[in-house]
């Protein structure tokens, strides 16, 4: 068993510019699965509390026998080469980590050369766009690989992890890459029968939690596939060497004859299990509460009975230690709403603090209700909705059973939100109308819409 690493998350992301809505326009709907999977990948990355992302791209400028890195202090890019120059990205470089990577790689005889004053390539810019769009904020190290051997790329990955551990800051690693480019007759690189086997092998290796099979893949098969991302994956696998693996294929699709994979390789948190429906064991065995609604209940009961705010317990689970927005709802045993308050963006440092604050507000500051009294406490049930990052949407994109909605007027001055799966809200038009009315937006006002998913944690009826 290895000691805990500061590399807390690693994954694989595709990079077709058509995924970016400002580039793809209507065609982006054909890669909706990958877009939604990038939202999930980002959610997991955020839950890992990574402060820096190291991202390696096959489309950075190549050097014959050196790895490359973009210089800072700020990294920038846009999509002007794809007819969307107004879509721009800016993120600070983690200069300390880049220096550590350069030093660690040099110790293994791998030079890292820097690229001065150069915009990010699209293999970097597309994954970064979705990280930023879905709420990640932090610093970046943007790398490119070389013409060195596959084994050299694995060893370079290991040197990156050593640098991460030397710096001691929580870091995520993202390997940018598309799989086979030859899956259909209309594919940009032409069609090669059997090219799909390369993608099948990659996907199956990850589903079996066996990324070493990717290292051992038939190189002739790889050449027939015409991939662009294999060596990115090798660097990620090298970085994950000796770390506990938690591989997960979040999505795979190939609508245009190119394979797009969104996947997790390592994740040192248990946030994935919690967000995928785990309602119990969100704290360690010695934690103070078993679930999110239980924390909300204890916060409300402590405040109402003693007038004090509950302190977050020690030994938080990964989910509760993450920074995330949430809504806390109180209902009577008969099912009548008694209070609901939440946040669209996280305000507190942890989800646990967000739940405590919003739970107290739902019980005492919801303007629709009087404050909860001591006599009512035994008659209340609690639920907590943890919000996924929002994305722009049209009315046609909404489904009130699945998505919550955020409505804003043109000035961004007034904003309203409605959670999903509310009894009686059966159509998208009704959902938008109620959210706009809650925000005080007059009927007929042009609206900007966003949709979001939630993970709902209901109090057990036992």
Protein backbone atom coordinates (compact mmCIF):
# COMPACT_ATOMS: atom_id res chain seq x y z
CA UNK A 1 0.00 0.00 0.00
CA UNK A 2 1.46 3.36 -1.03
CA UNK A 3 1.31 6.50 1.05
CA UNK A 4 -1.36 8.96 0.04
CA UNK A 5 -0.47 11.00 -3.03
CA UNK A 6 -1.31 14.62 -3.76
CA UNK A 7 -2.52 13.41 -7.17
CA UNK A 8 -6.16 13.14 -6.14
CA UNK A 9 -7.89 12.61 -9.49
CA UNK A 10 -7.06 11.60 -13.05
CA UNK A 11 -9.15 11.13 -16.14
CA UNK A 12 -9.48 11.19 -19.92
CA UNK A 13 -11.32 13.86 -21.91
CA UNK A 14 -12.08 14.25 -25.63
CA UNK A 15 -11.33 17.45 -27.49
CA UNK A 16 -13.50 17.92 -30.61
CA UNK A 17 -14.22 21.67 -30.95
CA UNK A 18 -17.74 20.80 -32.13
CA UNK A 19 -18.52 19.97 -28.48
CA UNK A 20 -18.20 23.67 -27.62
CA UNK A 21 -21.70 25.09 -28.24
CA UNK A 22 -20.36 28.39 -29.58
CA UNK A 23 -18.44 26.39 -32.20
CA UNK A 24 -20.72 23.47 -32.91
CA UNK A 25 -24.02 25.39 -32.79
CA UNK A 26 -26.84 22.96 -33.64
CA UNK A 27 -24.36 20.12 -34.30
CA UNK A 28 -23.33 20.14 -30.64
CA UNK A 29 -26.58 18.29 -29.94
CA UNK A 30 -25.00 15.24 -31.58
CA UNK A 31 -22.35 15.11 -28.86
CA UNK A 32 -24.71 15.84 -25.98
CA UNK A 33 -23.65 12.62 -24.24
CA UNK A 34 -20.02 13.75 -24.15
CA UNK A 35 -21.00 17.26 -23.05
CA UNK A 36 -23.01 15.89 -20.13
CA UNK A 37 -20.21 13.45 -19.29
CA UNK A 38 -17.74 16.35 -19.09
CA UNK A 39 -20.06 17.96 -16.56
CA UNK A 40 -19.92 14.77 -14.50
CA UNK A 41 -16.13 14.50 -14.87
CA UNK A 42 -15.78 18.09 -13.66
CA UNK A 43 -18.11 17.43 -10.73
CA UNK A 44 -15.91 14.55 -9.62
CA UNK A 45 -12.77 16.63 -10.11
CA UNK A 46 -14.23 19.46 -8.02
CA UNK A 47 -15.25 16.96 -5.34
CA UNK A 48 -11.61 15.83 -5.17
CA UNK A 49 -10.73 19.41 -4.15
CA UNK A 50 -7.97 19.62 -6.74
CA UNK A 51 -6.44 23.11 -6.69
CA UNK A 52 -4.46 22.61 -9.91
CA UNK A 53 -5.12 20.65 -13.10
CA UNK A 54 -2.29 19.22 -15.19
CA UNK A 55 -3.59 18.76 -18.73
CA UNK A 56 -1.63 17.07 -21.52
CA UNK A 57 -2.66 17.44 -25.16
CA UNK A 58 -1.59 15.72 -28.39
CA UNK A 59 -2.03 18.99 -30.28
CA UNK A 60 0.45 21.14 -28.37
CA UNK A 61 3.56 22.01 -30.43
CA UNK A 62 5.64 18.84 -30.68
CA UNK A 63 9.34 18.51 -29.93
CA UNK A 64 11.43 15.62 -31.17
CA UNK A 65 12.91 14.52 -27.86
CA UNK A 66 11.48 16.90 -25.27
CA UNK A 67 8.14 17.39 -23.58
CA UNK A 68 6.63 20.87 -23.84
CA UNK A 69 4.81 23.24 -21.50
CA UNK A 70 2.99 26.52 -22.08
CA UNK A 71 4.52 29.54 -20.31
CA UNK A 72 2.57 31.91 -18.05
CA UNK A 73 1.91 33.65 -15.82
CA UNK A 74 -1.50 33.39 -17.50
CA UNK A 75 -2.52 30.73 -20.00
CA UNK A 76 -5.00 31.78 -22.63
CA UNK A 77 -6.81 30.43 -25.63
CA UNK A 78 -9.80 30.96 -27.87
CA UNK A 79 -11.68 29.28 -30.68
CA UNK A 80 -10.92 31.79 -33.44
CA UNK A 81 -9.65 28.93 -35.64
CA UNK A 82 -13.14 27.45 -35.36
CA UNK A 83 -15.15 30.61 -36.12
CA UNK A 84 -15.83 31.48 -32.48
CA UNK A 85 -13.16 34.06 -31.54
CA UNK A 86 -15.37 35.55 -28.84
CA UNK A 87 -15.16 32.31 -26.82
CA UNK A 88 -12.01 32.87 -24.81
CA UNK A 89 -10.29 31.10 -21.91
CA UNK A 90 -7.89 32.48 -19.35
CA UNK A 91 -6.47 30.67 -16.34
CA UNK A 92 -3.39 31.23 -14.17
CA UNK A 93 -0.38 28.98 -14.58
CA UNK A 94 0.77 27.01 -11.54
CA UNK A 95 4.37 28.15 -11.90
CA UNK A 96 5.58 26.33 -8.79
CA UNK A 97 4.25 22.99 -10.01
CA UNK A 98 5.64 23.52 -13.51
CA UNK A 99 9.09 24.18 -12.03
CA UNK A 100 8.76 21.00 -9.96
CA UNK A 101 7.72 18.95 -13.02
CA UNK A 102 10.64 20.34 -15.01
CA UNK A 103 13.06 19.42 -12.21
CA UNK A 104 11.58 15.96 -11.66
CA UNK A 105 11.58 15.17 -15.39
CA UNK A 106 15.17 16.40 -15.76
CA UNK A 107 16.22 13.94 -13.06
CA UNK A 108 14.95 11.21 -15.42
CA UNK A 109 16.72 12.85 -18.41
CA UNK A 110 13.51 14.23 -19.91
CA UNK A 111 13.83 17.89 -20.86
CA UNK A 112 10.71 20.07 -20.62
CA UNK A 113 10.87 23.04 -22.99
CA UNK A 114 8.50 25.97 -22.55
CA UNK A 115 6.40 27.62 -25.24
CA UNK A 116 6.39 31.42 -24.76
CA UNK A 117 3.47 33.69 -25.61
CA UNK A 118 1.39 31.07 -27.38
CA UNK A 119 -2.34 30.46 -27.25
CA UNK A 120 -3.50 27.05 -26.09
CA UNK A 121 -4.12 24.40 -28.73
CA UNK A 122 -7.63 23.03 -29.12
CA UNK A 123 -6.67 19.72 -27.48
CA UNK A 124 -6.07 21.74 -24.32
CA UNK A 125 -8.73 24.41 -24.84
CA UNK A 126 -11.74 22.09 -25.31
CA UNK A 127 -11.37 20.14 -22.03
CA UNK A 128 -10.43 23.37 -20.22
CA UNK A 129 -13.58 25.04 -21.58
CA UNK A 130 -15.76 22.38 -19.96
CA UNK A 131 -13.85 22.42 -16.68
CA UNK A 132 -14.40 26.17 -16.42
CA UNK A 133 -17.96 26.05 -17.75
CA UNK A 134 -18.88 23.48 -15.12
CA UNK A 135 -17.48 25.38 -12.18
CA UNK A 136 -13.86 24.39 -11.64
CA UNK A 137 -11.62 27.29 -10.62
CA UNK A 138 -7.89 26.88 -10.06
CA UNK A 139 -4.50 26.90 -11.73
CA UNK A 140 -3.31 24.97 -14.75
CA UNK A 141 -0.18 23.31 -16.09
CA UNK A 142 -0.62 22.66 -19.83
CA UNK A 143 1.74 20.12 -21.39
CA UNK A 144 2.40 18.44 -24.71
CA UNK A 145 4.12 15.15 -25.38
CA UNK A 146 7.01 14.17 -27.64
CA UNK A 147 8.23 11.69 -30.24
CA UNK A 148 9.92 9.61 -27.54
CA UNK A 149 8.92 6.00 -26.90
CA UNK A 150 5.77 4.80 -25.17
CA UNK A 151 7.85 3.72 -22.17
CA UNK A 152 9.31 7.22 -21.96
CA UNK A 153 5.80 8.64 -21.76
CA UNK A 154 4.92 6.30 -18.90
CA UNK A 155 8.07 7.34 -17.05
CA UNK A 156 7.35 11.00 -17.71
CA UNK A 157 3.95 10.48 -16.11
CA UNK A 158 5.62 8.99 -13.04
CA UNK A 159 7.92 12.02 -12.82
CA UNK A 160 4.87 14.30 -12.93
CA UNK A 161 3.34 12.47 -9.96
CA UNK A 162 6.62 12.79 -8.04
CA UNK A 163 6.59 16.54 -8.69
CA UNK A 164 2.98 16.76 -7.52
CA UNK A 165 3.86 14.95 -4.32
CA UNK A 166 6.91 17.16 -3.81
CA UNK A 167 4.78 20.29 -4.05
CA UNK A 168 2.15 18.73 -1.78
CA UNK A 169 -0.85 20.46 -3.32
CA UNK A 170 -4.01 18.60 -4.41
CA UNK A 171 -3.75 18.11 -8.18
CA UNK A 172 -5.84 16.47 -10.90
CA UNK A 173 -4.47 15.11 -14.17
CA UNK A 174 -6.46 15.15 -17.42
CA UNK A 175 -5.32 13.31 -20.54
CA UNK A 176 -6.81 14.96 -23.62
CA UNK A 177 -7.30 12.66 -26.57
CA UNK A 178 -9.74 11.25 -29.09
CA UNK A 179 -9.81 7.55 -29.96
CA UNK A 180 -10.12 6.07 -33.46
CA UNK A 181 -10.67 8.58 -36.28
CA UNK A 182 -11.73 5.90 -38.78
CA UNK A 183 -14.96 4.41 -37.51
CA UNK A 184 -17.36 5.37 -40.32
CA UNK A 185 -17.14 5.95 -44.07
CA UNK A 186 -17.77 9.66 -43.51
CA UNK A 187 -15.08 9.95 -40.82
CA UNK A 188 -12.57 12.78 -41.38
CA UNK A 189 -9.64 10.35 -41.66
CA UNK A 190 -11.51 7.86 -43.82
CA UNK A 191 -12.86 4.46 -42.90
CA UNK A 192 -10.83 1.42 -41.83
CA UNK A 193 -12.77 -1.79 -41.09
CA UNK A 194 -11.92 -3.05 -37.64
CA UNK A 195 -10.76 0.34 -36.34
CA UNK A 196 -13.51 0.09 -33.74
CA UNK A 197 -11.61 -2.73 -32.03
CA UNK A 198 -9.06 -0.19 -30.72
CA UNK A 199 -11.84 1.78 -29.05
CA UNK A 200 -13.44 -1.38 -27.70
CA UNK A 201 -10.14 -2.45 -26.15
CA UNK A 202 -9.60 0.93 -24.47
CA UNK A 203 -13.15 1.10 -23.12
CA UNK A 204 -13.14 -2.51 -21.91
CA UNK A 205 -9.77 -2.07 -20.18
CA UNK A 206 -11.12 0.85 -18.20
CA UNK A 207 -14.40 -0.89 -17.39
CA UNK A 208 -12.33 -3.78 -16.03
CA UNK A 209 -10.24 -1.35 -13.95
CA UNK A 210 -7.18 -2.59 -15.86
CA UNK A 211 -5.49 0.38 -17.59
CA UNK A 212 -2.31 -1.67 -17.93
CA UNK A 213 -4.09 -3.36 -20.85
CA UNK A 214 -3.97 -0.01 -22.66
CA UNK A 215 -0.17 -0.04 -22.33
CA UNK A 216 -0.09 -3.54 -23.82
CA UNK A 217 -2.44 -2.84 -26.74
CA UNK A 218 -1.53 -4.12 -30.22
CA UNK A 219 0.40 -1.27 -31.85
CA UNK A 220 -0.73 -2.28 -35.34
CA UNK A 221 -4.32 -1.94 -34.15
CA UNK A 222 -3.47 1.48 -32.78
CA UNK A 223 -2.02 2.56 -36.16
CA UNK A 224 -5.09 1.35 -38.05
CA UNK A 225 -7.31 3.32 -35.70
CA UNK A 226 -5.61 6.63 -36.47
CA UNK A 227 -6.03 7.79 -32.84
CA UNK A 228 -4.82 11.03 -31.30
CA UNK A 229 -4.52 10.57 -27.59
CA UNK A 230 -2.85 7.25 -26.87
CA UNK A 231 0.31 8.87 -25.50
CA UNK A 232 -1.75 11.28 -23.41
CA UNK A 233 -3.30 8.23 -21.80
CA UNK A 234 0.13 6.66 -21.28
CA UNK A 235 1.31 9.73 -19.38
CA UNK A 236 -1.85 9.59 -17.23
CA UNK A 237 -1.35 5.87 -16.59
CA UNK A 238 2.30 6.50 -15.65
CA UNK A 239 1.19 9.21 -13.23
CA UNK A 240 -1.29 6.78 -11.64
CA UNK A 241 1.28 4.00 -11.21
CA UNK A 242 1.04 2.42 -7.73
CA UNK A 243 -2.02 4.52 -6.86
CA UNK A 244 -5.40 2.89 -6.10
CA UNK A 245 -7.34 2.65 -9.37
CA UNK A 246 -11.00 3.56 -9.70
CA UNK A 247 -11.50 3.45 -13.47
CA UNK A 248 -14.94 4.35 -14.75
CA UNK A 249 -16.17 4.96 -18.29
CA UNK A 250 -18.49 7.93 -17.91
CA UNK A 251 -19.38 8.02 -21.61
CA UNK A 252 -18.28 6.82 -25.02
CA UNK A 253 -19.77 7.80 -28.37
CA UNK A 254 -18.70 8.17 -31.99
CA UNK A 255 -21.38 10.16 -33.86
CA UNK A 256 -19.00 11.48 -36.55
CA UNK A 257 -16.76 8.44 -36.93
CA UNK A 258 -14.30 9.56 -34.22
CA UNK A 259 -14.37 7.97 -30.78
CA UNK A 260 -14.99 10.36 -27.88
CA UNK A 261 -14.24 8.95 -24.43
CA UNK A 262 -14.83 10.57 -21.04
CA UNK A 263 -13.39 8.43 -18.27
CA UNK A 264 -11.98 8.38 -14.77
CA UNK A 265 -8.73 6.58 -13.95
CA UNK A 266 -8.11 7.45 -10.30
CA UNK A 267 -10.16 9.24 -7.67
CA UNK A 268 -8.97 9.27 -4.08
CA UNK A 269 -12.36 10.46 -2.78
CA UNK A 270 -15.60 8.53 -2.35
CA UNK A 271 -17.59 11.38 -3.88
CA UNK A 272 -18.48 9.28 -6.91
CA UNK A 273 -20.30 6.67 -4.84
CA UNK A 274 -22.07 9.31 -2.82
CA UNK A 275 -23.25 11.23 -5.86
CA UNK A 276 -24.39 8.11 -7.69
CA UNK A 277 -26.93 7.30 -5.02
CA UNK A 278 -25.09 6.29 -1.89
CA UNK A 279 -27.23 7.66 0.92
CA UNK A 280 -25.30 6.04 3.77
CA UNK A 281 -21.75 6.00 5.05
CA UNK A 282 -21.11 9.52 3.81
CA UNK A 283 -19.04 10.01 6.92
CA UNK A 284 -16.41 7.62 8.21
CA UNK A 285 -17.49 5.04 10.77
CA UNK A 286 -16.64 7.53 13.50
CA UNK A 287 -18.52 10.41 11.89
CA UNK A 288 -21.34 12.16 13.67
CA UNK A 289 -24.08 11.66 11.02
CA UNK A 290 -25.00 9.01 8.51
CA UNK A 291 -26.54 11.20 5.81
CA UNK A 292 -27.02 14.69 4.45
CA UNK A 293 -30.64 15.14 5.61
CA UNK A 294 -29.52 13.98 9.05
CA UNK A 295 -27.01 16.81 9.15
CA UNK A 296 -29.71 19.28 8.11
CA UNK A 297 -32.04 17.97 10.83
CA UNK A 298 -29.36 18.26 13.54
CA UNK A 299 -28.52 21.81 12.39
CA UNK A 300 -32.15 22.95 12.54
CA UNK A 301 -32.92 21.24 15.86
CA UNK A 302 -29.76 22.67 17.47
CA UNK A 303 -30.60 26.18 16.31
CA UNK A 304 -34.30 26.07 17.22
CA UNK A 305 -33.80 24.51 20.65
CA UNK A 306 -30.51 26.11 21.73
CA UNK A 307 -30.16 29.17 19.49
CA UNK A 308 -26.68 28.13 18.38
CA UNK A 309 -25.28 27.12 15.01
CA UNK A 310 -24.04 23.56 14.73
CA UNK A 311 -20.33 23.10 14.04
CA UNK A 312 -19.47 20.75 11.15
CA UNK A 313 -18.37 17.40 12.57
CA UNK A 314 -14.83 16.08 12.15
CA UNK A 315 -13.93 13.34 9.67
CA UNK A 316 -16.12 14.63 6.87
CA UNK A 317 -16.83 12.34 3.94
CA UNK A 318 -15.41 13.39 0.60
CA UNK A 319 -18.79 14.64 -0.58
CA UNK A 320 -19.42 16.75 2.51
CA UNK A 321 -15.87 18.10 2.41
CA UNK A 322 -16.34 19.25 -1.20
CA UNK A 323 -17.49 22.75 -2.09
CA UNK A 324 -20.95 22.61 -3.65
CA UNK A 325 -24.28 24.47 -3.69
CA UNK A 326 -27.38 22.87 -2.25
CA UNK A 327 -31.02 23.40 -1.27
CA UNK A 328 -32.48 22.18 2.01
CA UNK A 329 -36.21 21.47 2.11
CA UNK A 330 -38.40 20.91 5.17
CA UNK A 331 -41.78 19.22 4.86
CA UNK A 332 -44.38 18.08 7.35
CA UNK A 333 -45.15 14.40 7.81
CA UNK A 334 -48.20 15.03 5.62
CA UNK A 335 -45.95 16.25 2.80
CA UNK A 336 -46.66 20.00 3.02
CA UNK A 337 -43.71 22.30 2.37
CA UNK A 338 -42.52 24.06 5.54
CA UNK A 339 -39.43 25.83 4.24
CA UNK A 340 -36.89 25.68 1.40
CA UNK A 341 -33.73 27.77 1.03
CA UNK A 342 -30.62 27.14 -1.04
CA UNK A 343 -27.70 28.45 -3.00
CA UNK A 344 -27.07 28.37 -6.75
CA UNK A 345 -23.31 28.82 -6.28
CA UNK A 346 -21.41 27.57 -3.22
CA UNK A 347 -20.99 30.20 -0.50
CA UNK A 348 -19.30 28.18 2.24
CA UNK A 349 -16.02 26.26 2.18
CA UNK A 350 -17.65 22.82 2.40
CA UNK A 351 -20.96 21.20 1.51
CA UNK A 352 -21.40 20.37 5.21
CA UNK A 353 -21.32 24.08 6.11
CA UNK A 354 -23.62 24.85 3.16
CA UNK A 355 -26.18 22.33 4.46
CA UNK A 356 -26.01 23.70 8.02
CA UNK A 357 -26.44 27.32 6.89
CA UNK A 358 -29.19 26.60 4.36
CA UNK A 359 -31.02 24.28 6.75
CA UNK A 360 -31.21 26.99 9.41
CA UNK A 361 -32.32 29.52 6.80
CA UNK A 362 -35.02 27.18 5.49
CA UNK A 363 -36.38 26.79 9.02
CA UNK A 364 -36.21 30.44 10.06
CA UNK A 365 -35.89 32.77 7.06
CA UNK A 366 -38.12 31.47 4.28
CA UNK A 367 -40.37 34.52 3.70
CA UNK A 368 -43.34 32.29 2.88
CA UNK A 369 -43.48 30.79 6.37
CA UNK A 370 -43.13 31.73 10.02
CA UNK A 371 -40.01 30.36 11.77
CA UNK A 372 -40.19 26.72 12.82
CA UNK A 373 -41.07 26.27 16.49
CA UNK A 374 -39.82 23.65 18.94
CA UNK A 375 -43.21 21.93 18.93
CA UNK A 376 -42.97 21.32 15.17
CA UNK A 377 -39.57 19.64 15.11
CA UNK A 378 -40.81 16.09 15.57
CA UNK A 379 -43.26 16.51 12.68
CA UNK A 380 -40.67 17.52 10.05
CA UNK A 381 -38.88 15.58 7.35
CA UNK A 382 -35.77 16.83 5.55
CA UNK A 383 -34.26 16.54 2.08
CA UNK A 384 -31.07 17.96 0.57
CA UNK A 385 -30.58 18.66 -3.14
CA UNK A 386 -26.93 18.95 -4.20
CA UNK A 387 -26.70 20.91 -7.44
CA UNK A 388 -24.58 19.93 -10.41
CA UNK A 389 -23.12 22.86 -12.44
CA UNK A 390 -25.68 24.63 -14.64
CA UNK A 391 -25.46 24.83 -18.42
CA UNK A 392 -27.17 27.18 -20.92
CA UNK A 393 -30.42 25.75 -22.27
CA UNK A 394 -33.51 26.47 -24.32
CA UNK A 395 -37.07 25.52 -23.38
CA UNK A 396 -36.72 22.50 -25.66
CA UNK A 397 -33.77 21.26 -23.57
CA UNK A 398 -35.76 21.25 -20.34
CA UNK A 399 -37.46 18.33 -18.65
CA UNK A 400 -38.95 19.31 -15.27
CA UNK A 401 -38.75 15.71 -14.06
CA UNK A 402 -34.96 15.61 -14.62
CA UNK A 403 -33.60 19.15 -14.73
CA UNK A 404 -34.00 22.17 -12.51
CA UNK A 405 -34.14 25.54 -14.25
CA UNK A 406 -32.58 28.96 -13.64
CA UNK A 407 -34.20 31.96 -15.34
CA UNK A 408 -32.63 35.41 -15.66
CA UNK A 409 -33.74 38.64 -17.27
CA UNK A 410 -31.55 40.37 -19.86
CA UNK A 411 -29.88 42.56 -17.25
CA UNK A 412 -28.95 39.56 -15.06
CA UNK A 413 -30.48 41.59 -12.24
CA UNK A 414 -33.30 39.19 -11.43
CA UNK A 415 -32.83 35.46 -11.24
CA UNK A 416 -35.14 32.66 -10.21
CA UNK A 417 -34.67 28.92 -9.71
CA UNK A 418 -36.96 25.94 -9.57
CA UNK A 419 -35.79 22.49 -8.56
CA UNK A 420 -36.68 19.42 -10.65
CA UNK A 421 -39.27 16.77 -9.91
CA UNK A 422 -41.78 19.03 -8.14
CA UNK A 423 -45.32 17.59 -7.93
CA UNK A 424 -47.71 19.44 -10.24
CA UNK A 425 -44.97 20.92 -12.45
CA UNK A 426 -45.46 18.83 -15.55
CA UNK A 427 -44.19 20.96 -18.47
CA UNK A 428 -41.11 23.01 -19.21
CA UNK A 429 -43.26 26.08 -19.90
CA UNK A 430 -44.87 25.76 -16.47
CA UNK A 431 -41.46 25.31 -14.84
CA UNK A 432 -40.07 28.46 -16.50
CA UNK A 433 -43.18 30.50 -15.69
CA UNK A 434 -43.05 29.57 -11.99
CA UNK A 435 -39.31 30.29 -11.75
CA UNK A 436 -39.77 33.68 -13.45
CA UNK A 437 -42.66 34.56 -11.17
CA UNK A 438 -40.58 33.68 -8.11
CA UNK A 439 -37.90 36.07 -9.36
CA UNK A 440 -40.39 38.89 -9.92
CA UNK A 441 -39.74 38.95 -13.66
CA UNK A 442 -42.75 40.38 -15.52
CA UNK A 443 -44.54 38.15 -17.99
CA UNK A 444 -43.26 38.58 -21.54
CA UNK A 445 -39.74 39.59 -20.50
CA UNK A 446 -37.02 37.90 -22.62
CA UNK A 447 -35.37 35.25 -20.51
CA UNK A 448 -32.02 33.50 -20.38
CA UNK A 449 -32.37 29.87 -19.29
CA UNK A 450 -29.98 27.40 -17.70
CA UNK A 451 -30.65 23.86 -16.63
CA UNK A 452 -29.02 21.75 -13.95
CA UNK A 453 -29.26 18.29 -12.46
CA UNK A 454 -29.47 17.57 -8.76
CA UNK A 455 -28.70 14.62 -6.55
CA UNK A 456 -31.55 14.42 -4.07
CA UNK A 457 -30.96 12.95 -0.61
CA UNK A 458 -34.22 12.16 1.16
CA UNK A 459 -34.55 11.34 4.81
CA UNK A 460 -35.27 7.67 5.43
CA UNK A 461 -38.85 6.87 6.35
CA UNK A 462 -37.73 4.08 8.67
